[in-house]
Structure formats: structure tokens, C-alpha cells
PDB file of all heavy atoms in Angstrom:
ATOM      1  N   SER A   1       0.823  -1.254   0.033  1.00  0.00           N
ATOM      2  CA  SER A   1       0.033   0.063  -0.047  1.00  0.00           C
ATOM      3  C   SER A   1       0.906   1.283   0.039  1.00  0.00           C
ATOM      4  O   SER A   1       0.524   2.111  -0.741  1.00  0.00           O
ATOM      5  CB  SER A   1      -0.864  -0.005   1.217  1.00  0.00           C
ATOM      6  OG  SER A   1      -1.769  -1.196   1.157  1.00  0.00           O
ATOM      7  N   HIS A   2       1.981   1.164   0.839  1.00  0.00           N
ATOM      8  CA  HIS A   2       2.824   2.381   0.852  1.00  0.00           C
ATOM      9  C   HIS A   2       3.616   2.701  -0.499  1.00  0.00           C
ATOM     10  O   HIS A   2       3.588   3.740  -0.986  1.00  0.00           O
ATOM     11  CB  HIS A   2       3.907   2.038   2.015  1.00  0.00           C
ATOM     12  CG  HIS A   2       5.052   3.154   1.901  1.00  0.00           C
ATOM     13  ND1 HIS A   2       4.880   4.349   2.103  1.00  0.00           N
ATOM     14  CD2 HIS A   2       6.309   2.802   1.477  1.00  0.00           C
ATOM     15  CE1 HIS A   2       6.118   4.989   1.963  1.00  0.00           C
ATOM     16  NE2 HIS A   2       6.994   4.132   1.640  1.00  0.00           N
ATOM     17  N   ALA A   3       3.876   1.516  -1.131  1.00  0.00           N
ATOM     18  CA  ALA A   3       4.479   1.727  -2.527  1.00  0.00           C
ATOM     19  C   ALA A   3       3.534   2.357  -3.525  1.00  0.00           C
ATOM     20  O   ALA A   3       3.996   3.138  -4.313  1.00  0.00           O
ATOM     21  CB  ALA A   3       5.015   0.288  -2.990  1.00  0.00           C
ATOM     22  N   VAL A   4       2.384   1.766  -3.434  1.00  0.00           N
ATOM     23  CA  VAL A   4       1.204   2.189  -4.536  1.00  0.00           C
ATOM     24  C   VAL A   4       1.021   3.708  -4.273  1.00  0.00           C
ATOM     25  O   VAL A   4       0.986   4.657  -5.171  1.00  0.00           O
ATOM     26  CB  VAL A   4       0.128   1.487  -4.494  1.00  0.00           C
ATOM     27  CG1 VAL A   4      -1.149   2.064  -5.226  1.00  0.00           C
ATOM     28  CG2 VAL A   4       0.218  -0.018  -4.932  1.00  0.00           C
ATOM     29  N   LEU A   5       0.620   4.105  -3.033  1.00  0.00           N
ATOM     30  CA  LEU A   5       0.308   5.537  -2.694  1.00  0.00           C
ATOM     31  C   LEU A   5       1.467   6.402  -2.805  1.00  0.00           C
ATOM     32  O   LEU A   5       1.414   7.641  -3.234  1.00  0.00           O
ATOM     33  CB  LEU A   5      -0.505   5.529  -1.360  1.00  0.00           C
ATOM     34  CG  LEU A   5      -1.178   6.867  -1.134  1.00  0.00           C
ATOM     35  CD1 LEU A   5      -2.032   7.330  -2.153  1.00  0.00           C
ATOM     36  CD2 LEU A   5      -1.808   6.781   0.303  1.00  0.00           C
ATOM     37  N   GLY A   6       2.567   5.941  -2.243  1.00  0.00           N
ATOM     38  CA  GLY A   6       3.670   6.829  -2.105  1.00  0.00           C
ATOM     39  C   GLY A   6       4.278   7.238  -3.414  1.00  0.00           C
ATOM     40  O   GLY A   6       4.617   8.467  -3.659  1.00  0.00           O
ATOM     41  N   THR A   7       4.235   6.412  -4.500  1.00  0.00           N
ATOM     42  CA  THR A   7       4.713   6.716  -5.756  1.00  0.00           C
ATOM     43  C   THR A   7       3.800   7.807  -6.349  1.00  0.00           C
ATOM     44  O   THR A   7       4.342   8.750  -6.972  1.00  0.00           O
ATOM     45  CB  THR A   7       4.667   5.517  -6.641  1.00  0.00           C
ATOM     46  OG1 THR A   7       5.584   4.455  -6.120  1.00  0.00           O
ATOM     47  CG2 THR A   7       5.009   5.796  -8.058  1.00  0.00           C
ATOM     48  N   SER A   8       2.600   7.642  -6.109  1.00  0.00           N
ATOM     49  CA  SER A   8       1.549   8.567  -6.725  1.00  0.00           C
ATOM     50  C   SER A   8       1.719  10.024  -6.007  1.00  0.00           C
ATOM     51  O   SER A   8       1.684  11.023  -6.702  1.00  0.00           O
ATOM     52  CB  SER A   8       0.151   8.113  -6.590  1.00  0.00           C
ATOM     53  OG  SER A   8      -0.649   8.980  -7.265  1.00  0.00           O
ATOM     54  N   VAL A   9       1.827  10.106  -4.731  1.00  0.00           N
ATOM     55  CA  VAL A   9       1.966  11.384  -3.991  1.00  0.00           C
ATOM     56  C   VAL A   9       3.149  11.974  -4.391  1.00  0.00           C
ATOM     57  O   VAL A   9       3.300  13.211  -4.271  1.00  0.00           O
ATOM     58  CB  VAL A   9       1.621  11.233  -2.562  1.00  0.00           C
ATOM     59  CG1 VAL A   9       0.243  10.680  -2.331  1.00  0.00           C
ATOM     60  CG2 VAL A   9       2.749  10.404  -1.991  1.00  0.00           C
ATOM     61  N   ARG A  10       4.269  11.242  -4.643  1.00  0.00           N
ATOM     62  CA  ARG A  10       5.576  11.971  -4.948  1.00  0.00           C
ATOM     63  C   ARG A  10       5.457  12.648  -6.341  1.00  0.00           C
ATOM     64  O   ARG A  10       5.772  13.898  -6.394  1.00  0.00           O
ATOM     65  CB  ARG A  10       6.615  10.960  -4.970  1.00  0.00           C
ATOM     66  CG  ARG A  10       7.247  10.569  -3.688  1.00  0.00           C
ATOM     67  CD  ARG A  10       8.558   9.822  -3.924  1.00  0.00           C
ATOM     68  NE  ARG A  10       8.444   8.506  -4.675  1.00  0.00           N
ATOM     69  CZ  ARG A  10       8.191   7.459  -3.940  1.00  0.00           C
ATOM     70  NH1 ARG A  10       7.957   7.523  -2.718  1.00  0.00           N
ATOM     71  NH2 ARG A  10       8.071   6.324  -4.743  1.00  0.00           N
ATOM     72  N   VAL A  11       4.735  12.095  -7.301  1.00  0.00           N
ATOM     73  CA  VAL A  11       4.491  12.859  -8.600  1.00  0.00           C
ATOM     74  C   VAL A  11       3.502  14.085  -8.291  1.00  0.00           C
ATOM     75  O   VAL A  11       3.662  15.092  -8.866  1.00  0.00           O
ATOM     76  CB  VAL A  11       3.853  11.785  -9.550  1.00  0.00           C
ATOM     77  CG1 VAL A  11       3.516  12.625 -10.870  1.00  0.00           C
ATOM     78  CG2 VAL A  11       4.842  10.674  -9.859  1.00  0.00           C
ATOM     79  N   SER A  12       2.585  13.866  -7.309  1.00  0.00           N
ATOM     80  CA  SER A  12       1.644  14.895  -6.987  1.00  0.00           C
ATOM     81  C   SER A  12       2.388  16.173  -6.484  1.00  0.00           C
ATOM     82  O   SER A  12       2.057  17.339  -6.918  1.00  0.00           O
ATOM     83  CB  SER A  12       0.563  14.501  -5.969  1.00  0.00           C
ATOM     84  OG  SER A  12      -0.289  13.591  -6.699  1.00  0.00           O
ATOM     85  N   ARG A  13       3.229  15.935  -5.627  1.00  0.00           N
ATOM     86  CA  ARG A  13       4.099  17.016  -5.036  1.00  0.00           C
ATOM     87  C   ARG A  13       4.940  17.632  -6.059  1.00  0.00           C
ATOM     88  O   ARG A  13       5.064  18.896  -6.096  1.00  0.00           O
ATOM     89  CB  ARG A  13       5.016  16.522  -3.966  1.00  0.00           C
ATOM     90  CG  ARG A  13       4.145  16.030  -2.736  1.00  0.00           C
ATOM     91  CD  ARG A  13       5.065  15.998  -1.510  1.00  0.00           C
ATOM     92  NE  ARG A  13       6.182  15.013  -1.692  1.00  0.00           N
ATOM     93  CZ  ARG A  13       6.087  13.820  -1.368  1.00  0.00           C
ATOM     94  NH1 ARG A  13       5.020  13.241  -0.970  1.00  0.00           N
ATOM     95  NH2 ARG A  13       7.250  13.035  -1.544  1.00  0.00           N
ATOM     96  N   ARG A  14       5.480  16.822  -7.106  1.00  0.00           N
ATOM     97  CA  ARG A  14       6.154  17.449  -8.148  1.00  0.00           C
ATOM     98  C   ARG A  14       5.406  18.467  -9.060  1.00  0.00           C
ATOM     99  O   ARG A  14       5.803  19.428  -9.547  1.00  0.00           O
ATOM    100  CB  ARG A  14       6.864  16.405  -9.157  1.00  0.00           C
ATOM    101  CG  ARG A  14       8.086  15.687  -8.420  1.00  0.00           C
ATOM    102  CD  ARG A  14       8.986  15.152  -9.419  1.00  0.00           C
ATOM    103  NE  ARG A  14       8.288  14.160 -10.452  1.00  0.00           N
ATOM    104  CZ  ARG A  14       8.196  12.924 -10.166  1.00  0.00           C
ATOM    105  NH1 ARG A  14       8.710  12.302  -9.068  1.00  0.00           N
ATOM    106  NH2 ARG A  14       7.596  12.139 -11.054  1.00  0.00           N
ATOM    107  N   CYS A  15       4.026  17.940  -9.224  1.00  0.00           N
ATOM    108  CA  CYS A  15       3.221  18.872  -9.975  1.00  0.00           C
ATOM    109  C   CYS A  15       3.031  20.207  -9.311  1.00  0.00           C
ATOM    110  O   CYS A  15       2.690  21.232 -10.012  1.00  0.00           O
ATOM    111  CB  CYS A  15       1.827  18.122 -10.150  1.00  0.00           C
ATOM    112  SG  CYS A  15       1.720  16.783 -11.189  1.00  0.00           S
ATOM    113  N   LEU A  16       3.053  20.277  -7.947  1.00  0.00           N
ATOM    114  CA  LEU A  16       3.007  21.546  -7.093  1.00  0.00           C
ATOM    115  C   LEU A  16       4.172  22.306  -7.074  1.00  0.00           C
ATOM    116  O   LEU A  16       4.157  23.393  -6.670  1.00  0.00           O
ATOM    117  CB  LEU A  16       2.412  21.108  -5.842  1.00  0.00           C
ATOM    118  CG  LEU A  16       1.052  20.427  -5.746  1.00  0.00           C
ATOM    119  CD1 LEU A  16       0.747  20.020  -4.413  1.00  0.00           C
ATOM    120  CD2 LEU A  16      -0.058  21.261  -6.428  1.00  0.00           C
ATOM    121  N   ALA A  17       5.334  21.737  -7.476  1.00  0.00           N
ATOM    122  CA  ALA A  17       6.607  22.415  -7.397  1.00  0.00           C
ATOM    123  C   ALA A  17       6.617  23.683  -8.174  1.00  0.00           C
ATOM    124  O   ALA A  17       6.146  23.633  -9.384  1.00  0.00           O
ATOM    125  CB  ALA A  17       7.838  21.560  -7.612  1.00  0.00           C
ATOM    126  N   PRO A  18       7.218  24.769  -7.847  1.00  0.00           N
ATOM    127  CA  PRO A  18       7.294  25.958  -8.737  1.00  0.00           C
ATOM    128  C   PRO A  18       8.239  25.760  -9.866  1.00  0.00           C
ATOM    129  O   PRO A  18       9.192  24.994  -9.747  1.00  0.00           O
ATOM    130  CB  PRO A  18       7.851  27.061  -7.817  1.00  0.00           C
ATOM    131  CG  PRO A  18       8.508  26.329  -6.700  1.00  0.00           C
ATOM    132  CD  PRO A  18       7.743  25.116  -6.553  1.00  0.00           C
ATOM    133  N   ALA A  19       7.980  26.359 -10.921  1.00  0.00           N
ATOM    134  CA  ALA A  19       8.762  26.164 -12.078  1.00  0.00           C
ATOM    135  C   ALA A  19       9.188  27.520 -12.707  1.00  0.00           C
ATOM    136  O   ALA A  19       8.400  28.484 -12.710  1.00  0.00           O
ATOM    137  CB  ALA A  19       8.018  25.350 -13.256  1.00  0.00           C
ATOM    138  N   ASP A  20      10.547  27.614 -13.179  1.00  0.00           N
ATOM    139  CA  ASP A  20      10.810  28.896 -13.709  1.00  0.00           C
ATOM    140  C   ASP A  20      10.413  28.926 -15.252  1.00  0.00           C
ATOM    141  O   ASP A  20      10.763  28.064 -15.986  1.00  0.00           O
ATOM    142  CB  ASP A  20      12.378  29.105 -13.623  1.00  0.00           C
ATOM    143  CG  ASP A  20      12.829  29.182 -12.257  1.00  0.00           C
ATOM    144  OD1 ASP A  20      11.990  29.807 -11.479  1.00  0.00           O
ATOM    145  OD2 ASP A  20      14.011  28.708 -11.931  1.00  0.00           O
ATOM    146  N   VAL A  21       9.694  29.981 -15.570  1.00  0.00           N
ATOM    147  CA  VAL A  21       9.108  30.082 -16.826  1.00  0.00           C
ATOM    148  C   VAL A  21       9.679  31.381 -17.507  1.00  0.00           C
ATOM    149  O   VAL A  21       9.347  32.417 -16.905  1.00  0.00           O
ATOM    150  CB  VAL A  21       7.536  30.020 -17.008  1.00  0.00           C
ATOM    151  CG1 VAL A  21       7.130  30.116 -18.374  1.00  0.00           C
ATOM    152  CG2 VAL A  21       7.129  28.639 -16.351  1.00  0.00           C
ATOM    153  N   ARG A  22      10.339  31.371 -18.498  1.00  0.00           N
ATOM    154  CA  ARG A  22      10.817  32.600 -19.119  1.00  0.00           C
ATOM    155  C   ARG A  22       9.664  33.283 -19.866  1.00  0.00           C
ATOM    156  O   ARG A  22       8.751  32.706 -20.322  1.00  0.00           O
ATOM    157  CB  ARG A  22      11.853  32.242 -20.176  1.00  0.00           C
ATOM    158  CG  ARG A  22      13.132  31.685 -19.555  1.00  0.00           C
ATOM    159  CD  ARG A  22      14.182  31.319 -20.730  1.00  0.00           C
ATOM    160  NE  ARG A  22      13.582  30.359 -21.600  1.00  0.00           N
ATOM    161  CZ  ARG A  22      14.114  30.003 -22.714  1.00  0.00           C
ATOM    162  NH1 ARG A  22      15.293  30.614 -23.085  1.00  0.00           N
ATOM    163  NH2 ARG A  22      13.577  29.081 -23.435  1.00  0.00           N
ATOM    164  N   THR A  23       9.734  34.560 -19.963  1.00  0.00           N
ATOM    165  CA  THR A  23       8.601  35.483 -20.645  1.00  0.00           C
ATOM    166  C   THR A  23       8.802  35.108 -22.077  1.00  0.00           C
ATOM    167  O   THR A  23       9.806  35.153 -22.751  1.00  0.00           O
ATOM    168  CB  THR A  23       8.916  36.847 -20.372  1.00  0.00           C
ATOM    169  OG1 THR A  23       8.822  37.039 -19.138  1.00  0.00           O
ATOM    170  CG2 THR A  23       7.894  37.687 -21.030  1.00  0.00           C
ATOM    171  N   GLY A  24       7.596  34.687 -22.646  1.00  0.00           N
ATOM    172  CA  GLY A  24       7.612  34.322 -24.129  1.00  0.00           C
ATOM    173  C   GLY A  24       7.172  35.468 -24.875  1.00  0.00           C
ATOM    174  O   GLY A  24       7.307  36.682 -24.752  1.00  0.00           O
ATOM    175  N   GLN A  25       6.606  35.068 -26.071  1.00  0.00           N
ATOM    176  CA  GLN A  25       6.138  36.090 -27.100  1.00  0.00           C
ATOM    177  C   GLN A  25       4.959  36.841 -26.653  1.00  0.00           C
ATOM    178  O   GLN A  25       4.147  36.381 -25.783  1.00  0.00           O
ATOM    179  CB  GLN A  25       5.791  35.292 -28.343  1.00  0.00           C
ATOM    180  CG  GLN A  25       7.049  34.774 -29.070  1.00  0.00           C
ATOM    181  CD  GLN A  25       7.415  33.389 -28.297  1.00  0.00           C
ATOM    182  OE1 GLN A  25       6.688  32.837 -27.552  1.00  0.00           O
ATOM    183  NE2 GLN A  25       8.428  32.720 -28.880  1.00  0.00           N
TER     184      GLN A  25
END
């Protein structure tokens, strides 16, 4: 259970991580 849920929540936290986005056109 830990492996199943832990893998998914790690990806969820990456989705929430800030990202540097350069100014585009």
C-alpha cells in the first residue's frame, strides 16, 4: 500500500513544485 500510494503522491508533489518560466512572445 505504501509503495502504491507513495509513488503517486511523490508525482503529485512534483506537480505543485514551482517552475521557472521565461517570458515568451
